[in-house]
């Protein structure tokens, strides 16, 4: 049965070493999307252990409530605040802003656009966009726009503030960003093909979202450098890390359980998959305009910083991403 997949249960090799190298985060406020499980949960817990106030942005659900309770139990003295934010609804994203702003009287030091879904069916959101593209990129684009004043406030107070995006090695599967995947065409973008070699329509759509995450970082870096270098944009990728992404994709029919078990033998733990994300959030040595992970195509290992790749860090691709994203949210995003 497709639902028979179980995580390999890898041991973390590098996680504790990385965490011990990070500075304290007292006085910092960090907002993270997608913290109910996986690397988002690990990042939220780690940032709290380092002293940060952590704002958890998830769609309302029993799963979200349970993960919130687990985080509070794991880090009893932490400042966790949950705000309902469903990335499959632009109205929900807009509706979350007042609560987030109230939790950031001194600004938002880091916005971590982490949440993502993988190889889901060809279905539209309530707004009409591909469910993967809206969840993984378009709603994060809107969230970043709406929270930019608070990010700028933190940059003035602390000398820097960061927008952290989360991509994947899947960005390499689609070397050209295509505008139709950013348009209101959800449900008519190729169907539900799921080739075991990641060439089916589900995987094309997913790869486009991960390419969009990297391109968005390139856009922000360029605009921040021109307008306010205290603002930083970077993107992480986890390599091939075990997480609930594989489980949910197998359950939805995007991957077979046998192939997934075989593939994941090449991977690493969730905690080691979180190394790039944590370095982007908290490591002072990470600069704007980089991608951080276990090699540009690496599947496992320590997270290192690399220059953004030219196949998305170019004028044509950046202009396409920005124009189509503004059209989707029905607003301009001026920096």
C-alpha atoms as a PDB file:
ATOM      1  CA  UNK A   1       0.000   0.000   0.000  1.00  0.00           C
ATOM      2  CA  UNK A   2       1.195   3.522  -0.761  1.00  0.00           C
ATOM      3  CA  UNK A   3       0.666   4.581   2.852  1.00  0.00           C
ATOM      4  CA  UNK A   4       3.101   1.969   4.253  1.00  0.00           C
ATOM      5  CA  UNK A   5       6.157   4.244   4.147  1.00  0.00           C
ATOM      6  CA  UNK A   6       7.981   4.844   7.426  1.00  0.00           C
ATOM      7  CA  UNK A   7      10.809   7.297   8.036  1.00  0.00           C
ATOM      8  CA  UNK A   8      14.311   5.766   8.181  1.00  0.00           C
ATOM      9  CA  UNK A   9      15.057   7.304  11.576  1.00  0.00           C
ATOM     10  CA  UNK A  10      18.557   8.632  10.853  1.00  0.00           C
ATOM     11  CA  UNK A  11      20.740   9.840  13.710  1.00  0.00           C
ATOM     12  CA  UNK A  12      21.825  13.474  13.562  1.00  0.00           C
ATOM     13  CA  UNK A  13      25.545  13.856  12.859  1.00  0.00           C
ATOM     14  CA  UNK A  14      26.139  17.600  12.788  1.00  0.00           C
ATOM     15  CA  UNK A  15      23.146  19.231  14.477  1.00  0.00           C
ATOM     16  CA  UNK A  16      24.462  19.698  18.018  1.00  0.00           C
ATOM     17  CA  UNK A  17      27.777  21.048  16.772  1.00  0.00           C
ATOM     18  CA  UNK A  18      25.995  23.651  14.673  1.00  0.00           C
ATOM     19  CA  UNK A  19      23.581  24.679  17.419  1.00  0.00           C
ATOM     20  CA  UNK A  20      26.430  25.074  19.909  1.00  0.00           C
ATOM     21  CA  UNK A  21      28.141  27.459  17.482  1.00  0.00           C
ATOM     22  CA  UNK A  22      25.156  29.809  17.164  1.00  0.00           C
ATOM     23  CA  UNK A  23      24.831  32.990  19.222  1.00  0.00           C
ATOM     24  CA  UNK A  24      22.170  33.639  21.819  1.00  0.00           C
ATOM     25  CA  UNK A  25      18.957  35.070  20.355  1.00  0.00           C
ATOM     26  CA  UNK A  26      17.597  36.970  23.341  1.00  0.00           C
ATOM     27  CA  UNK A  27      15.797  40.159  22.302  1.00  0.00           C
ATOM     28  CA  UNK A  28      15.178  38.665  18.826  1.00  0.00           C
ATOM     29  CA  UNK A  29      11.722  37.963  17.421  1.00  0.00           C
ATOM     30  CA  UNK A  30      11.488  35.276  14.755  1.00  0.00           C
ATOM     31  CA  UNK A  31       8.395  34.276  12.762  1.00  0.00           C
ATOM     32  CA  UNK A  32       8.379  30.850  11.100  1.00  0.00           C
ATOM     33  CA  UNK A  33       5.755  29.328   8.824  1.00  0.00           C
ATOM     34  CA  UNK A  34       5.035  25.602   8.897  1.00  0.00           C
ATOM     35  CA  UNK A  35       6.143  24.612  12.392  1.00  0.00           C
ATOM     36  CA  UNK A  36       3.771  21.708  13.073  1.00  0.00           C
ATOM     37  CA  UNK A  37       6.441  19.129  12.187  1.00  0.00           C
ATOM     38  CA  UNK A  38       9.743  18.553  10.426  1.00  0.00           C
ATOM     39  CA  UNK A  39      12.363  21.218   9.992  1.00  0.00           C
ATOM     40  CA  UNK A  40       9.982  24.040  10.874  1.00  0.00           C
ATOM     41  CA  UNK A  41       9.324  22.442  14.257  1.00  0.00           C
ATOM     42  CA  UNK A  42      13.046  21.895  14.831  1.00  0.00           C
ATOM     43  CA  UNK A  43      13.880  25.467  13.841  1.00  0.00           C
ATOM     44  CA  UNK A  44      11.203  26.875  16.154  1.00  0.00           C
ATOM     45  CA  UNK A  45      12.356  24.751  19.082  1.00  0.00           C
ATOM     46  CA  UNK A  46      16.034  25.593  18.504  1.00  0.00           C
ATOM     47  CA  UNK A  47      15.434  29.338  18.195  1.00  0.00           C
ATOM     48  CA  UNK A  48      13.451  29.260  21.431  1.00  0.00           C
ATOM     49  CA  UNK A  49      16.225  27.352  23.213  1.00  0.00           C
ATOM     50  CA  UNK A  50      18.587  30.114  22.092  1.00  0.00           C
ATOM     51  CA  UNK A  51      16.311  32.705  23.702  1.00  0.00           C
ATOM     52  CA  UNK A  52      14.222  34.106  20.852  1.00  0.00           C
ATOM     53  CA  UNK A  53      10.551  34.978  20.908  1.00  0.00           C
ATOM     54  CA  UNK A  54       9.116  32.649  18.263  1.00  0.00           C
ATOM     55  CA  UNK A  55       5.913  33.318  16.335  1.00  0.00           C
ATOM     56  CA  UNK A  56       4.419  30.139  14.871  1.00  0.00           C
ATOM     57  CA  UNK A  57       2.443  30.651  11.664  1.00  0.00           C
ATOM     58  CA  UNK A  58       0.249  27.691  10.749  1.00  0.00           C
ATOM     59  CA  UNK A  59      -3.245  27.032   9.510  1.00  0.00           C
ATOM     60  CA  UNK A  60      -5.589  26.257  12.418  1.00  0.00           C
ATOM     61  CA  UNK A  61      -5.848  22.523  13.086  1.00  0.00           C
ATOM     62  CA  UNK A  62      -5.610  19.935  15.821  1.00  0.00           C
ATOM     63  CA  UNK A  63      -2.136  19.163  14.494  1.00  0.00           C
ATOM     64  CA  UNK A  64      -1.131  22.775  15.001  1.00  0.00           C
ATOM     65  CA  UNK A  65      -2.508  22.750  18.555  1.00  0.00           C
ATOM     66  CA  UNK A  66      -0.675  19.526  19.389  1.00  0.00           C
ATOM     67  CA  UNK A  67       2.654  20.775  18.036  1.00  0.00           C
ATOM     68  CA  UNK A  68       2.253  24.020  19.994  1.00  0.00           C
ATOM     69  CA  UNK A  69       1.759  22.001  23.177  1.00  0.00           C
ATOM     70  CA  UNK A  70       4.817  19.860  22.372  1.00  0.00           C
ATOM     71  CA  UNK A  71       6.987  22.923  21.839  1.00  0.00           C
ATOM     72  CA  UNK A  72       5.900  24.451  25.140  1.00  0.00           C
ATOM     73  CA  UNK A  73       6.638  21.161  26.888  1.00  0.00           C
ATOM     74  CA  UNK A  74      10.047  20.793  25.225  1.00  0.00           C
ATOM     75  CA  UNK A  75      11.145  24.362  26.038  1.00  0.00           C
ATOM     76  CA  UNK A  76       9.204  25.266  29.162  1.00  0.00           C
ATOM     77  CA  UNK A  77      10.627  28.772  29.608  1.00  0.00           C
ATOM     78  CA  UNK A  78      10.236  29.790  25.946  1.00  0.00           C
ATOM     79  CA  UNK A  79       8.183  32.546  24.375  1.00  0.00           C
ATOM     80  CA  UNK A  80       6.043  30.748  21.793  1.00  0.00           C
ATOM     81  CA  UNK A  81       3.110  32.552  20.192  1.00  0.00           C
ATOM     82  CA  UNK A  82       0.858  30.937  17.625  1.00  0.00           C
ATOM     83  CA  UNK A  83      -0.958  32.917  14.958  1.00  0.00           C
ATOM     84  CA  UNK A  84      -3.412  31.376  12.515  1.00  0.00           C
ATOM     85  CA  UNK A  85      -2.096  31.771   8.970  1.00  0.00           C
ATOM     86  CA  UNK A  86      -3.349  29.471   6.210  1.00  0.00           C
ATOM     87  CA  UNK A  87      -1.004  29.819   3.246  1.00  0.00           C
ATOM     88  CA  UNK A  88      -3.656  28.407   0.916  1.00  0.00           C
ATOM     89  CA  UNK A  89      -5.707  31.588   1.409  1.00  0.00           C
ATOM     90  CA  UNK A  90      -4.532  35.126   0.709  1.00  0.00           C
ATOM     91  CA  UNK A  91      -7.294  36.440   2.990  1.00  0.00           C
ATOM     92  CA  UNK A  92      -5.945  34.305   5.840  1.00  0.00           C
ATOM     93  CA  UNK A  93      -2.434  35.655   5.301  1.00  0.00           C
ATOM     94  CA  UNK A  94      -3.725  39.225   5.315  1.00  0.00           C
ATOM     95  CA  UNK A  95      -5.802  38.476   8.395  1.00  0.00           C
ATOM     96  CA  UNK A  96      -2.758  37.304  10.350  1.00  0.00           C
ATOM     97  CA  UNK A  97      -0.820  40.547  10.078  1.00  0.00           C
ATOM     98  CA  UNK A  98      -2.434  42.501  12.902  1.00  0.00           C
ATOM     99  CA  UNK A  99      -1.691  39.740  15.411  1.00  0.00           C
ATOM    100  CA  UNK A 100       1.892  39.363  14.172  1.00  0.00           C
ATOM    101  CA  UNK A 101       2.502  43.111  14.354  1.00  0.00           C
ATOM    102  CA  UNK A 102       1.206  43.216  17.926  1.00  0.00           C
ATOM    103  CA  UNK A 103       3.766  40.563  18.877  1.00  0.00           C
ATOM    104  CA  UNK A 104       6.602  42.620  17.342  1.00  0.00           C
ATOM    105  CA  UNK A 105       6.646  46.003  19.121  1.00  0.00           C
ATOM    106  CA  UNK A 106      10.379  46.327  18.388  1.00  0.00           C
ATOM    107  CA  UNK A 107      10.245  44.812  14.913  1.00  0.00           C
ATOM    108  CA  UNK A 108      10.655  41.371  13.367  1.00  0.00           C
ATOM    109  CA  UNK A 109      14.271  40.199  13.235  1.00  0.00           C
ATOM    110  CA  UNK A 110      13.696  37.171  11.024  1.00  0.00           C
ATOM    111  CA  UNK A 111      10.851  36.065   8.789  1.00  0.00           C
ATOM    112  CA  UNK A 112      11.447  32.422   7.918  1.00  0.00           C
ATOM    113  CA  UNK A 113       9.317  31.344   4.955  1.00  0.00           C
ATOM    114  CA  UNK A 114       9.678  27.645   5.652  1.00  0.00           C
ATOM    115  CA  UNK A 115       6.322  25.951   5.022  1.00  0.00           C
ATOM    116  CA  UNK A 116       5.920  23.767   1.966  1.00  0.00           C
ATOM    117  CA  UNK A 117       4.027  20.883   0.423  1.00  0.00           C
ATOM    118  CA  UNK A 118       5.418  18.471  -2.161  1.00  0.00           C
ATOM    119  CA  UNK A 119       4.033  16.740  -5.267  1.00  0.00           C
ATOM    120  CA  UNK A 120       0.375  17.318  -4.420  1.00  0.00           C
ATOM    121  CA  UNK A 121      -2.483  16.844  -6.853  1.00  0.00           C
ATOM    122  CA  UNK A 122      -3.289  19.377  -9.559  1.00  0.00           C
ATOM    123  CA  UNK A 123      -5.789  21.320  -7.485  1.00  0.00           C
ATOM    124  CA  UNK A 124      -6.583  25.033  -7.054  1.00  0.00           C
ATOM    125  CA  UNK A 125      -6.635  26.936  -3.795  1.00  0.00           C
ATOM    126  CA  UNK A 126      -9.655  29.015  -2.851  1.00  0.00           C
ATOM    127  CA  UNK A 127      -7.904  31.846  -4.723  1.00  0.00           C
ATOM    128  CA  UNK A 128      -7.548  29.762  -7.900  1.00  0.00           C
ATOM    129  CA  UNK A 129      -3.779  29.200  -7.867  1.00  0.00           C
ATOM    130  CA  UNK A 130      -1.914  25.912  -7.844  1.00  0.00           C
ATOM    131  CA  UNK A 131      -2.011  24.575  -4.311  1.00  0.00           C
ATOM    132  CA  UNK A 132       1.753  23.978  -4.275  1.00  0.00           C
ATOM    133  CA  UNK A 133       2.710  27.363  -5.727  1.00  0.00           C
ATOM    134  CA  UNK A 134       0.450  29.350  -3.435  1.00  0.00           C
ATOM    135  CA  UNK A 135       1.533  27.443  -0.323  1.00  0.00           C
ATOM    136  CA  UNK A 136       5.233  27.371  -1.129  1.00  0.00           C
ATOM    137  CA  UNK A 137       5.750  30.778  -2.737  1.00  0.00           C
ATOM    138  CA  UNK A 138       2.869  33.158  -3.477  1.00  0.00           C
ATOM    139  CA  UNK A 139       1.563  33.438   0.086  1.00  0.00           C
ATOM    140  CA  UNK A 140       5.115  33.831   1.371  1.00  0.00           C
ATOM    141  CA  UNK A 141       5.574  36.660  -1.150  1.00  0.00           C
ATOM    142  CA  UNK A 142       2.452  38.337   0.277  1.00  0.00           C
ATOM    143  CA  UNK A 143       3.516  37.686   3.869  1.00  0.00           C
ATOM    144  CA  UNK A 144       6.934  39.228   3.235  1.00  0.00           C
ATOM    145  CA  UNK A 145       5.384  42.308   1.645  1.00  0.00           C
ATOM    146  CA  UNK A 146       2.981  42.858   4.533  1.00  0.00           C
ATOM    147  CA  UNK A 147       5.615  42.318   7.245  1.00  0.00           C
ATOM    148  CA  UNK A 148       8.393  44.324   5.589  1.00  0.00           C
ATOM    149  CA  UNK A 149       7.767  47.436   7.757  1.00  0.00           C
ATOM    150  CA  UNK A 150       8.361  45.336  10.886  1.00  0.00           C
ATOM    151  CA  UNK A 151      11.449  43.745   9.336  1.00  0.00           C
ATOM    152  CA  UNK A 152      12.782  47.207   8.488  1.00  0.00           C
ATOM    153  CA  UNK A 153      12.085  48.348  12.058  1.00  0.00           C
ATOM    154  CA  UNK A 154      14.169  45.489  13.454  1.00  0.00           C
ATOM    155  CA  UNK A 155      16.989  46.225  11.014  1.00  0.00           C
ATOM    156  CA  UNK A 156      17.211  49.812  12.259  1.00  0.00           C
ATOM    157  CA  UNK A 157      17.208  48.726  15.906  1.00  0.00           C
ATOM    158  CA  UNK A 158      19.600  45.758  15.647  1.00  0.00           C
ATOM    159  CA  UNK A 159      21.729  46.592  12.600  1.00  0.00           C
ATOM    160  CA  UNK A 160      20.251  43.838  10.421  1.00  0.00           C
ATOM    161  CA  UNK A 161      17.110  41.777   9.802  1.00  0.00           C
ATOM    162  CA  UNK A 162      16.571  38.730   7.609  1.00  0.00           C
ATOM    163  CA  UNK A 163      14.120  37.110   5.236  1.00  0.00           C
ATOM    164  CA  UNK A 164      14.890  33.396   4.988  1.00  0.00           C
ATOM    165  CA  UNK A 165      13.351  31.252   2.252  1.00  0.00           C
ATOM    166  CA  UNK A 166      13.415  27.454   1.949  1.00  0.00           C
ATOM    167  CA  UNK A 167      14.141  25.809  -1.393  1.00  0.00           C
ATOM    168  CA  UNK A 168      15.223  22.284  -2.357  1.00  0.00           C
ATOM    169  CA  UNK A 169      17.507  20.356  -4.688  1.00  0.00           C
ATOM    170  CA  UNK A 170      14.310  20.040  -6.752  1.00  0.00           C
ATOM    171  CA  UNK A 171      14.998  23.564  -8.043  1.00  0.00           C
ATOM    172  CA  UNK A 172      17.500  21.929 -10.410  1.00  0.00           C
ATOM    173  CA  UNK A 173      14.751  19.880 -12.077  1.00  0.00           C
ATOM    174  CA  UNK A 174      13.289  22.988 -13.722  1.00  0.00           C
ATOM    175  CA  UNK A 175      16.014  25.339 -14.907  1.00  0.00           C
ATOM    176  CA  UNK A 176      13.513  27.829 -16.387  1.00  0.00           C
ATOM    177  CA  UNK A 177      10.787  29.513 -14.376  1.00  0.00           C
ATOM    178  CA  UNK A 178       7.523  29.514 -16.347  1.00  0.00           C
ATOM    179  CA  UNK A 179       4.885  32.165 -15.833  1.00  0.00           C
ATOM    180  CA  UNK A 180       1.871  29.869 -16.155  1.00  0.00           C
ATOM    181  CA  UNK A 181       2.690  28.166 -12.866  1.00  0.00           C
ATOM    182  CA  UNK A 182       2.355  31.528 -11.107  1.00  0.00           C
ATOM    183  CA  UNK A 183      -0.981  32.311 -12.732  1.00  0.00           C
ATOM    184  CA  UNK A 184      -4.571  31.548 -11.732  1.00  0.00           C
ATOM    185  CA  UNK A 185      -4.510  28.152 -13.425  1.00  0.00           C
ATOM    186  CA  UNK A 186      -4.766  25.833 -10.442  1.00  0.00           C
ATOM    187  CA  UNK A 187      -6.263  22.492 -11.469  1.00  0.00           C
ATOM    188  CA  UNK A 188      -5.169  22.810 -15.095  1.00  0.00           C
ATOM    189  CA  UNK A 189      -1.399  22.510 -14.847  1.00  0.00           C
ATOM    190  CA  UNK A 190      -0.653  19.052 -16.140  1.00  0.00           C
ATOM    191  CA  UNK A 191      -2.696  16.683 -14.008  1.00  0.00           C
ATOM    192  CA  UNK A 192      -1.538  14.162 -11.430  1.00  0.00           C
ATOM    193  CA  UNK A 193       1.266  12.271 -13.156  1.00  0.00           C
ATOM    194  CA  UNK A 194       3.914  11.126 -10.679  1.00  0.00           C
ATOM    195  CA  UNK A 195       6.892   9.546 -12.426  1.00  0.00           C
ATOM    196  CA  UNK A 196       9.253   7.707 -10.099  1.00  0.00           C
ATOM    197  CA  UNK A 197      12.073   9.814 -11.565  1.00  0.00           C
ATOM    198  CA  UNK A 198      10.391  13.115 -10.634  1.00  0.00           C
ATOM    199  CA  UNK A 199       9.386  14.045 -14.181  1.00  0.00           C
ATOM    200  CA  UNK A 200       5.608  13.747 -13.730  1.00  0.00           C
ATOM    201  CA  UNK A 201       3.387  16.826 -13.645  1.00  0.00           C
ATOM    202  CA  UNK A 202       3.173  16.836  -9.851  1.00  0.00           C
ATOM    203  CA  UNK A 203       6.959  17.087  -9.673  1.00  0.00           C
ATOM    204  CA  UNK A 204       7.182  19.723 -12.385  1.00  0.00           C
ATOM    205  CA  UNK A 205       4.845  21.917 -10.347  1.00  0.00           C
ATOM    206  CA  UNK A 206       6.807  21.265  -7.151  1.00  0.00           C
ATOM    207  CA  UNK A 207      10.119  22.021  -8.850  1.00  0.00           C
ATOM    208  CA  UNK A 208       8.698  25.294 -10.156  1.00  0.00           C
ATOM    209  CA  UNK A 209       7.819  26.301  -6.587  1.00  0.00           C
ATOM    210  CA  UNK A 210      11.325  25.522  -5.335  1.00  0.00           C
ATOM    211  CA  UNK A 211      12.791  27.482  -8.237  1.00  0.00           C
ATOM    212  CA  UNK A 212      10.444  30.324  -7.260  1.00  0.00           C
ATOM    213  CA  UNK A 213      11.748  30.242  -3.669  1.00  0.00           C
ATOM    214  CA  UNK A 214      15.319  30.664  -4.877  1.00  0.00           C
ATOM    215  CA  UNK A 215      14.357  33.343  -7.411  1.00  0.00           C
ATOM    216  CA  UNK A 216      12.436  35.275  -4.747  1.00  0.00           C
ATOM    217  CA  UNK A 217      15.618  35.316  -2.664  1.00  0.00           C
ATOM    218  CA  UNK A 218      17.592  36.677  -5.606  1.00  0.00           C
ATOM    219  CA  UNK A 219      14.978  39.395  -6.097  1.00  0.00           C
ATOM    220  CA  UNK A 220      14.967  40.415  -2.454  1.00  0.00           C
ATOM    221  CA  UNK A 221      18.755  40.439  -2.224  1.00  0.00           C
ATOM    222  CA  UNK A 222      19.048  42.749  -5.230  1.00  0.00           C
ATOM    223  CA  UNK A 223      16.346  45.110  -3.962  1.00  0.00           C
ATOM    224  CA  UNK A 224      17.643  45.131  -0.390  1.00  0.00           C
ATOM    225  CA  UNK A 225      21.191  45.911  -1.527  1.00  0.00           C
ATOM    226  CA  UNK A 226      19.907  48.949  -3.410  1.00  0.00           C
ATOM    227  CA  UNK A 227      17.460  50.243  -0.797  1.00  0.00           C
ATOM    228  CA  UNK A 228      18.732  49.125   2.616  1.00  0.00           C
ATOM    229  CA  UNK A 229      21.744  46.802   3.013  1.00  0.00           C
ATOM    230  CA  UNK A 230      20.768  46.188   6.632  1.00  0.00           C
ATOM    231  CA  UNK A 231      18.093  43.915   5.180  1.00  0.00           C
ATOM    232  CA  UNK A 232      19.312  40.460   4.199  1.00  0.00           C
ATOM    233  CA  UNK A 233      17.794  37.687   2.092  1.00  0.00           C
ATOM    234  CA  UNK A 234      19.080  34.123   1.986  1.00  0.00           C
ATOM    235  CA  UNK A 235      17.726  30.716   1.053  1.00  0.00           C
ATOM    236  CA  UNK A 236      18.335  27.284   2.572  1.00  0.00           C
ATOM    237  CA  UNK A 237      17.990  23.809   1.158  1.00  0.00           C
ATOM    238  CA  UNK A 238      17.932  20.650   3.295  1.00  0.00           C
ATOM    239  CA  UNK A 239      19.457  18.128   0.919  1.00  0.00           C
ATOM    240  CA  UNK A 240      17.561  14.846   1.133  1.00  0.00           C
ATOM    241  CA  UNK A 241      16.266  15.019   4.691  1.00  0.00           C
ATOM    242  CA  UNK A 242      13.637  12.767   6.182  1.00  0.00           C
ATOM    243  CA  UNK A 243      10.508  14.716   7.081  1.00  0.00           C
ATOM    244  CA  UNK A 244       6.754  14.581   6.903  1.00  0.00           C
ATOM    245  CA  UNK A 245       7.028  15.792   3.294  1.00  0.00           C
ATOM    246  CA  UNK A 246       7.811  12.271   2.103  1.00  0.00           C
ATOM    247  CA  UNK A 247       5.061  10.725   4.215  1.00  0.00           C
ATOM    248  CA  UNK A 248       2.397  13.162   3.017  1.00  0.00           C
ATOM    249  CA  UNK A 249       3.524  12.803  -0.605  1.00  0.00           C
ATOM    250  CA  UNK A 250       3.353   9.000  -0.449  1.00  0.00           C
ATOM    251  CA  UNK A 251      -0.098   9.248   1.131  1.00  0.00           C
ATOM    252  CA  UNK A 252      -1.284  11.591  -1.637  1.00  0.00           C
ATOM    253  CA  UNK A 253       0.076   9.351  -4.387  1.00  0.00           C
ATOM    254  CA  UNK A 254       3.051  11.469  -5.410  1.00  0.00           C
ATOM    255  CA  UNK A 255       5.620   8.744  -4.648  1.00  0.00           C
ATOM    256  CA  UNK A 256       5.413   5.000  -4.173  1.00  0.00           C
ATOM    257  CA  UNK A 257       6.408   3.638  -0.780  1.00  0.00           C
ATOM    258  CA  UNK A 258       8.975   1.177  -2.162  1.00  0.00           C
ATOM    259  CA  UNK A 259      10.794   3.826  -4.221  1.00  0.00           C
ATOM    260  CA  UNK A 260      10.654   6.271  -1.317  1.00  0.00           C
ATOM    261  CA  UNK A 261      12.221   3.767   1.095  1.00  0.00           C
ATOM    262  CA  UNK A 262      14.997   3.110  -1.431  1.00  0.00           C
ATOM    263  CA  UNK A 263      15.613   6.799  -2.154  1.00  0.00           C
ATOM    264  CA  UNK A 264      15.695   7.846   1.482  1.00  0.00           C
ATOM    265  CA  UNK A 265      18.586   5.493   2.197  1.00  0.00           C
ATOM    266  CA  UNK A 266      20.665   8.262   0.588  1.00  0.00           C
ATOM    267  CA  UNK A 267      19.378  10.927   2.959  1.00  0.00           C
ATOM    268  CA  UNK A 268      19.941  12.389   6.396  1.00  0.00           C
ATOM    269  CA  UNK A 269      18.027  13.204   9.565  1.00  0.00           C
ATOM    270  CA  UNK A 270      15.498  16.001   9.946  1.00  0.00           C
ATOM    271  CA  UNK A 271      17.836  17.738  12.362  1.00  0.00           C
ATOM    272  CA  UNK A 272      20.749  17.691   9.918  1.00  0.00           C
ATOM    273  CA  UNK A 273      18.351  18.797   7.183  1.00  0.00           C
ATOM    274  CA  UNK A 274      17.643  21.859   9.313  1.00  0.00           C
ATOM    275  CA  UNK A 275      21.268  23.034   9.385  1.00  0.00           C
ATOM    276  CA  UNK A 276      20.928  25.384   6.429  1.00  0.00           C
ATOM    277  CA  UNK A 277      17.732  26.908   7.759  1.00  0.00           C
ATOM    278  CA  UNK A 278      19.277  27.537  11.178  1.00  0.00           C
ATOM    279  CA  UNK A 279      22.420  29.073   9.725  1.00  0.00           C
ATOM    280  CA  UNK A 280      20.305  31.431   7.611  1.00  0.00           C
ATOM    281  CA  UNK A 281      18.223  32.393  10.646  1.00  0.00           C
ATOM    282  CA  UNK A 282      20.944  32.820  13.251  1.00  0.00           C
ATOM    283  CA  UNK A 283      24.520  32.525  11.984  1.00  0.00           C
ATOM    284  CA  UNK A 284      26.183  35.969  11.788  1.00  0.00           C
ATOM    285  CA  UNK A 285      28.655  34.600   9.223  1.00  0.00           C
ATOM    286  CA  UNK A 286      25.877  34.078   6.648  1.00  0.00           C
ATOM    287  CA  UNK A 287      25.533  37.071   4.346  1.00  0.00           C
ATOM    288  CA  UNK A 288      22.726  38.173   2.078  1.00  0.00           C
ATOM    289  CA  UNK A 289      22.466  36.660  -1.381  1.00  0.00           C
ATOM    290  CA  UNK A 290      23.529  33.080  -0.665  1.00  0.00           C
ATOM    291  CA  UNK A 291      22.054  29.604  -0.695  1.00  0.00           C
ATOM    292  CA  UNK A 292      22.968  27.430   2.296  1.00  0.00           C
ATOM    293  CA  UNK A 293      22.909  23.638   2.277  1.00  0.00           C
ATOM    294  CA  UNK A 294      25.030  20.482   1.889  1.00  0.00           C
ATOM    295  CA  UNK A 295      26.502  21.508  -1.461  1.00  0.00           C
ATOM    296  CA  UNK A 296      24.528  23.005  -4.318  1.00  0.00           C
ATOM    297  CA  UNK A 297      23.363  19.512  -5.268  1.00  0.00           C
ATOM    298  CA  UNK A 298      24.332  17.713  -2.083  1.00  0.00           C
ATOM    299  CA  UNK A 299      21.967  15.294  -0.366  1.00  0.00           C
ATOM    300  CA  UNK A 300      23.552  15.248   3.081  1.00  0.00           C
ATOM    301  CA  UNK A 301      26.298  16.766   5.159  1.00  0.00           C
ATOM    302  CA  UNK A 302      27.224  20.047   6.807  1.00  0.00           C
ATOM    303  CA  UNK A 303      25.499  23.169   5.495  1.00  0.00           C
ATOM    304  CA  UNK A 304      27.731  25.621   3.642  1.00  0.00           C
ATOM    305  CA  UNK A 305      27.030  28.914   1.880  1.00  0.00           C
ATOM    306  CA  UNK A 306      27.194  29.260  -1.908  1.00  0.00           C
ATOM    307  CA  UNK A 307      26.465  32.067  -4.337  1.00  0.00           C
ATOM    308  CA  UNK A 308      23.008  32.101  -5.865  1.00  0.00           C
ATOM    309  CA  UNK A 309      22.927  30.293  -9.207  1.00  0.00           C
ATOM    310  CA  UNK A 310      22.740  32.211 -12.473  1.00  0.00           C
ATOM    311  CA  UNK A 311      19.900  30.205 -13.998  1.00  0.00           C
ATOM    312  CA  UNK A 312      17.496  32.042 -11.670  1.00  0.00           C
ATOM    313  CA  UNK A 313      19.623  34.974 -10.512  1.00  0.00           C
ATOM    314  CA  UNK A 314      19.227  36.889 -13.759  1.00  0.00           C
ATOM    315  CA  UNK A 315      17.187  39.891 -14.857  1.00  0.00           C
ATOM    316  CA  UNK A 316      14.641  37.976 -16.945  1.00  0.00           C
ATOM    317  CA  UNK A 317      13.764  35.388 -14.313  1.00  0.00           C
ATOM    318  CA  UNK A 318      13.650  37.887 -11.467  1.00  0.00           C
ATOM    319  CA  UNK A 319      11.383  40.258 -13.421  1.00  0.00           C
ATOM    320  CA  UNK A 320       9.049  37.387 -14.345  1.00  0.00           C
ATOM    321  CA  UNK A 321       8.793  36.164 -10.755  1.00  0.00           C
ATOM    322  CA  UNK A 322       8.149  39.631  -9.331  1.00  0.00           C
ATOM    323  CA  UNK A 323       5.592  40.665 -11.956  1.00  0.00           C
ATOM    324  CA  UNK A 324       3.587  37.447 -11.768  1.00  0.00           C
ATOM    325  CA  UNK A 325       3.662  37.401  -7.969  1.00  0.00           C
ATOM    326  CA  UNK A 326       2.383  40.977  -7.746  1.00  0.00           C
ATOM    327  CA  UNK A 327      -0.398  40.080 -10.183  1.00  0.00           C
ATOM    328  CA  UNK A 328      -1.344  37.105  -8.009  1.00  0.00           C
ATOM    329  CA  UNK A 329      -1.665  39.137  -4.801  1.00  0.00           C
ATOM    330  CA  UNK A 330      -3.345  41.996  -6.709  1.00  0.00           C
ATOM    331  CA  UNK A 331      -0.930  44.541  -5.301  1.00  0.00           C
ATOM    332  CA  UNK A 332       2.443  46.133  -5.872  1.00  0.00           C
ATOM    333  CA  UNK A 333       5.412  45.199  -3.679  1.00  0.00           C
ATOM    334  CA  UNK A 334       7.725  48.188  -3.694  1.00  0.00           C
ATOM    335  CA  UNK A 335      11.008  48.099  -1.793  1.00  0.00           C
END
